[in-house]
C-alpha atoms as a PDB file:
ATOM      1  CA  UNK A   1       0.000   0.000   0.000  1.00  0.00           C
ATOM      2  CA  UNK A   2       2.894   2.492   0.049  1.00  0.00           C
ATOM      3  CA  UNK A   3       2.869   5.208  -2.548  1.00  0.00           C
ATOM      4  CA  UNK A   4       6.185   6.622  -3.689  1.00  0.00           C
ATOM      5  CA  UNK A   5       6.187  10.267  -4.655  1.00  0.00           C
ATOM      6  CA  UNK A   6       8.871  12.287  -6.370  1.00  0.00           C
ATOM      7  CA  UNK A   7       7.846  15.646  -4.968  1.00  0.00           C
ATOM      8  CA  UNK A   8       5.412  17.052  -2.468  1.00  0.00           C
ATOM      9  CA  UNK A   9       2.880  18.574  -4.880  1.00  0.00           C
ATOM     10  CA  UNK A  10       0.197  16.146  -3.628  1.00  0.00           C
ATOM     11  CA  UNK A  11      -0.737  18.324  -0.689  1.00  0.00           C
ATOM     12  CA  UNK A  12      -4.278  17.128  -0.074  1.00  0.00           C
ATOM     13  CA  UNK A  13      -3.950  17.139   3.745  1.00  0.00           C
ATOM     14  CA  UNK A  14      -6.249  15.303   6.119  1.00  0.00           C
ATOM     15  CA  UNK A  15      -4.938  11.748   5.752  1.00  0.00           C
ATOM     16  CA  UNK A  16      -6.613   8.487   4.840  1.00  0.00           C
ATOM     17  CA  UNK A  17     -10.048   7.097   5.525  1.00  0.00           C
ATOM     18  CA  UNK A  18     -11.335   6.107   8.963  1.00  0.00           C
ATOM     19  CA  UNK A  19      -8.724   5.563  11.662  1.00  0.00           C
ATOM     20  CA  UNK A  20      -5.748   5.743   9.336  1.00  0.00           C
ATOM     21  CA  UNK A  21      -2.796   8.066   9.716  1.00  0.00           C
ATOM     22  CA  UNK A  22      -0.940   9.451   6.733  1.00  0.00           C
ATOM     23  CA  UNK A  23       2.772   8.760   7.176  1.00  0.00           C
ATOM     24  CA  UNK A  24       5.484  10.474   5.169  1.00  0.00           C
ATOM     25  CA  UNK A  25       8.649   8.351   5.214  1.00  0.00           C
ATOM     26  CA  UNK A  26      11.959   9.954   4.268  1.00  0.00           C
ATOM     27  CA  UNK A  27      14.831   7.596   3.525  1.00  0.00           C
ATOM     28  CA  UNK A  28      17.914   7.780   1.322  1.00  0.00           C
ATOM     29  CA  UNK A  29      16.820  10.965  -0.427  1.00  0.00           C
ATOM     30  CA  UNK A  30      13.355   9.625  -1.279  1.00  0.00           C
ATOM     31  CA  UNK A  31       9.962  10.396   0.214  1.00  0.00           C
ATOM     32  CA  UNK A  32       7.269   7.728   0.387  1.00  0.00           C
ATOM     33  CA  UNK A  33       3.686   8.043   1.598  1.00  0.00           C
ATOM     34  CA  UNK A  34       1.741   5.268   3.287  1.00  0.00           C
ATOM     35  CA  UNK A  35      -1.264   5.008   5.594  1.00  0.00           C
ATOM     36  CA  UNK A  36      -1.164   3.116   8.884  1.00  0.00           C
ATOM     37  CA  UNK A  37      -3.890   2.178  11.327  1.00  0.00           C
ATOM     38  CA  UNK A  38      -3.788   4.341  14.450  1.00  0.00           C
ATOM     39  CA  UNK A  39      -3.648   1.134  16.541  1.00  0.00           C
ATOM     40  CA  UNK A  40      -0.509  -0.189  14.791  1.00  0.00           C
ATOM     41  CA  UNK A  41       2.133  -1.751  17.012  1.00  0.00           C
ATOM     42  CA  UNK A  42       5.832  -0.943  16.970  1.00  0.00           C
ATOM     43  CA  UNK A  43       6.540  -4.336  15.361  1.00  0.00           C
ATOM     44  CA  UNK A  44       3.862  -3.687  12.734  1.00  0.00           C
ATOM     45  CA  UNK A  45       5.360  -0.296  11.904  1.00  0.00           C
ATOM     46  CA  UNK A  46       8.826  -1.875  11.677  1.00  0.00           C
ATOM     47  CA  UNK A  47       7.482  -4.396   9.146  1.00  0.00           C
ATOM     48  CA  UNK A  48       5.874  -1.592   7.125  1.00  0.00           C
ATOM     49  CA  UNK A  49       9.050   0.538   7.147  1.00  0.00           C
ATOM     50  CA  UNK A  50      11.210  -2.501   6.336  1.00  0.00           C
ATOM     51  CA  UNK A  51       9.040  -3.232   3.278  1.00  0.00           C
ATOM     52  CA  UNK A  52       8.824   0.366   2.072  1.00  0.00           C
ATOM     53  CA  UNK A  53      12.538   1.124   2.483  1.00  0.00           C
ATOM     54  CA  UNK A  54      13.518  -2.343   1.225  1.00  0.00           C
ATOM     55  CA  UNK A  55      15.584  -3.203   4.279  1.00  0.00           C
ATOM     56  CA  UNK A  56      16.698  -6.830   4.552  1.00  0.00           C
ATOM     57  CA  UNK A  57      15.130  -9.023   7.244  1.00  0.00           C
ATOM     58  CA  UNK A  58      18.263  -8.863   9.398  1.00  0.00           C
ATOM     59  CA  UNK A  59      19.210  -5.259   8.595  1.00  0.00           C
ATOM     60  CA  UNK A  60      19.005  -2.969  11.606  1.00  0.00           C
ATOM     61  CA  UNK A  61      17.572   0.515  11.172  1.00  0.00           C
ATOM     62  CA  UNK A  62      16.343   3.394  13.277  1.00  0.00           C
ATOM     63  CA  UNK A  63      13.087   5.320  12.981  1.00  0.00           C
ATOM     64  CA  UNK A  64      12.675   8.902  14.076  1.00  0.00           C
ATOM     65  CA  UNK A  65       9.527  10.978  13.911  1.00  0.00           C
ATOM     66  CA  UNK A  66       9.685  14.754  13.698  1.00  0.00           C
ATOM     67  CA  UNK A  67       7.833  16.571  16.482  1.00  0.00           C
ATOM     68  CA  UNK A  68       6.109  19.965  16.375  1.00  0.00           C
ATOM     69  CA  UNK A  69       9.434  21.712  17.085  1.00  0.00           C
ATOM     70  CA  UNK A  70      11.095  19.830  14.189  1.00  0.00           C
ATOM     71  CA  UNK A  71      13.157  17.784  16.634  1.00  0.00           C
ATOM     72  CA  UNK A  72      13.833  14.141  15.706  1.00  0.00           C
ATOM     73  CA  UNK A  73      12.483  11.684  18.300  1.00  0.00           C
ATOM     74  CA  UNK A  74      13.551   8.047  18.122  1.00  0.00           C
ATOM     75  CA  UNK A  75      10.847   5.369  18.013  1.00  0.00           C
ATOM     76  CA  UNK A  76      12.072   2.162  19.672  1.00  0.00           C
ATOM     77  CA  UNK A  77       8.987   0.856  21.463  1.00  0.00           C
ATOM     78  CA  UNK A  78       5.195   0.743  21.480  1.00  0.00           C
ATOM     79  CA  UNK A  79       5.221   3.475  24.142  1.00  0.00           C
ATOM     80  CA  UNK A  80       7.251   5.868  21.962  1.00  0.00           C
ATOM     81  CA  UNK A  81       5.097   5.090  18.914  1.00  0.00           C
ATOM     82  CA  UNK A  82       1.921   5.686  20.948  1.00  0.00           C
ATOM     83  CA  UNK A  83       3.293   9.073  22.040  1.00  0.00           C
ATOM     84  CA  UNK A  84       4.052  10.040  18.423  1.00  0.00           C
ATOM     85  CA  UNK A  85       0.508   9.078  17.397  1.00  0.00           C
ATOM     86  CA  UNK A  86      -1.018  10.847  20.416  1.00  0.00           C
ATOM     87  CA  UNK A  87       0.780  14.102  19.562  1.00  0.00           C
ATOM     88  CA  UNK A  88      -0.136  13.689  15.886  1.00  0.00           C
ATOM     89  CA  UNK A  89      -3.803  13.590  16.964  1.00  0.00           C
ATOM     90  CA  UNK A  90      -3.561  16.349  19.595  1.00  0.00           C
ATOM     91  CA  UNK A  91      -1.837  18.710  17.151  1.00  0.00           C
ATOM     92  CA  UNK A  92      -4.218  17.706  14.339  1.00  0.00           C
ATOM     93  CA  UNK A  93      -1.250  17.216  12.038  1.00  0.00           C
ATOM     94  CA  UNK A  94      -1.927  16.317   8.417  1.00  0.00           C
ATOM     95  CA  UNK A  95       0.746  13.606   8.499  1.00  0.00           C
ATOM     96  CA  UNK A  96       3.254  11.857  10.713  1.00  0.00           C
ATOM     97  CA  UNK A  97       6.790  12.362   9.376  1.00  0.00           C
ATOM     98  CA  UNK A  98       9.201   9.462   9.938  1.00  0.00           C
ATOM     99  CA  UNK A  99      12.849   9.351   8.947  1.00  0.00           C
ATOM    100  CA  UNK A 100      14.444   5.948   8.440  1.00  0.00           C
ATOM    101  CA  UNK A 101      18.160   5.322   8.598  1.00  0.00           C
ATOM    102  CA  UNK A 102      20.088   2.126   8.089  1.00  0.00           C
ATOM    103  CA  UNK A 103      22.412   1.464  11.009  1.00  0.00           C
ATOM    104  CA  UNK A 104      25.038   0.243   8.533  1.00  0.00           C
ATOM    105  CA  UNK A 105      24.954   3.637   6.803  1.00  0.00           C
ATOM    106  CA  UNK A 106      25.036   5.426  10.162  1.00  0.00           C
ATOM    107  CA  UNK A 107      28.014   3.337  11.327  1.00  0.00           C
ATOM    108  CA  UNK A 108      29.909   4.144   8.117  1.00  0.00           C
ATOM    109  CA  UNK A 109      29.279   7.875   8.597  1.00  0.00           C
ATOM    110  CA  UNK A 110      30.411   7.721  12.227  1.00  0.00           C
ATOM    111  CA  UNK A 111      33.621   5.918  11.220  1.00  0.00           C
ATOM    112  CA  UNK A 112      34.377   8.575   8.609  1.00  0.00           C
ATOM    113  CA  UNK A 113      33.727  11.405  11.067  1.00  0.00           C
ATOM    114  CA  UNK A 114      36.071   9.947  13.702  1.00  0.00           C
ATOM    115  CA  UNK A 115      39.117  10.099  11.415  1.00  0.00           C
END
């Protein structure tokens, strides 16, 4: 169900039908849009992100959502995901923005920066 977009000209706002949340996923210079159920679990979101970003089954990655102050907040549990969804609803945001990053890519960048 993910939809890949090349630019952000599809600014319809509002989100999907029913209890779905529009999620904008940014990874590796691309932006993808998908809709998730508001009751999704952390493991369910990991599966969705893994499929959309084409991560391997054993490939580790991190997810960060962007809060109302544009600060990245790591999602590593159901509790942190629930908080992201709660604030999405409280702030009546049009979408939940999630950044994905491969830990392999992150480790390579950290190694290069330490030299």
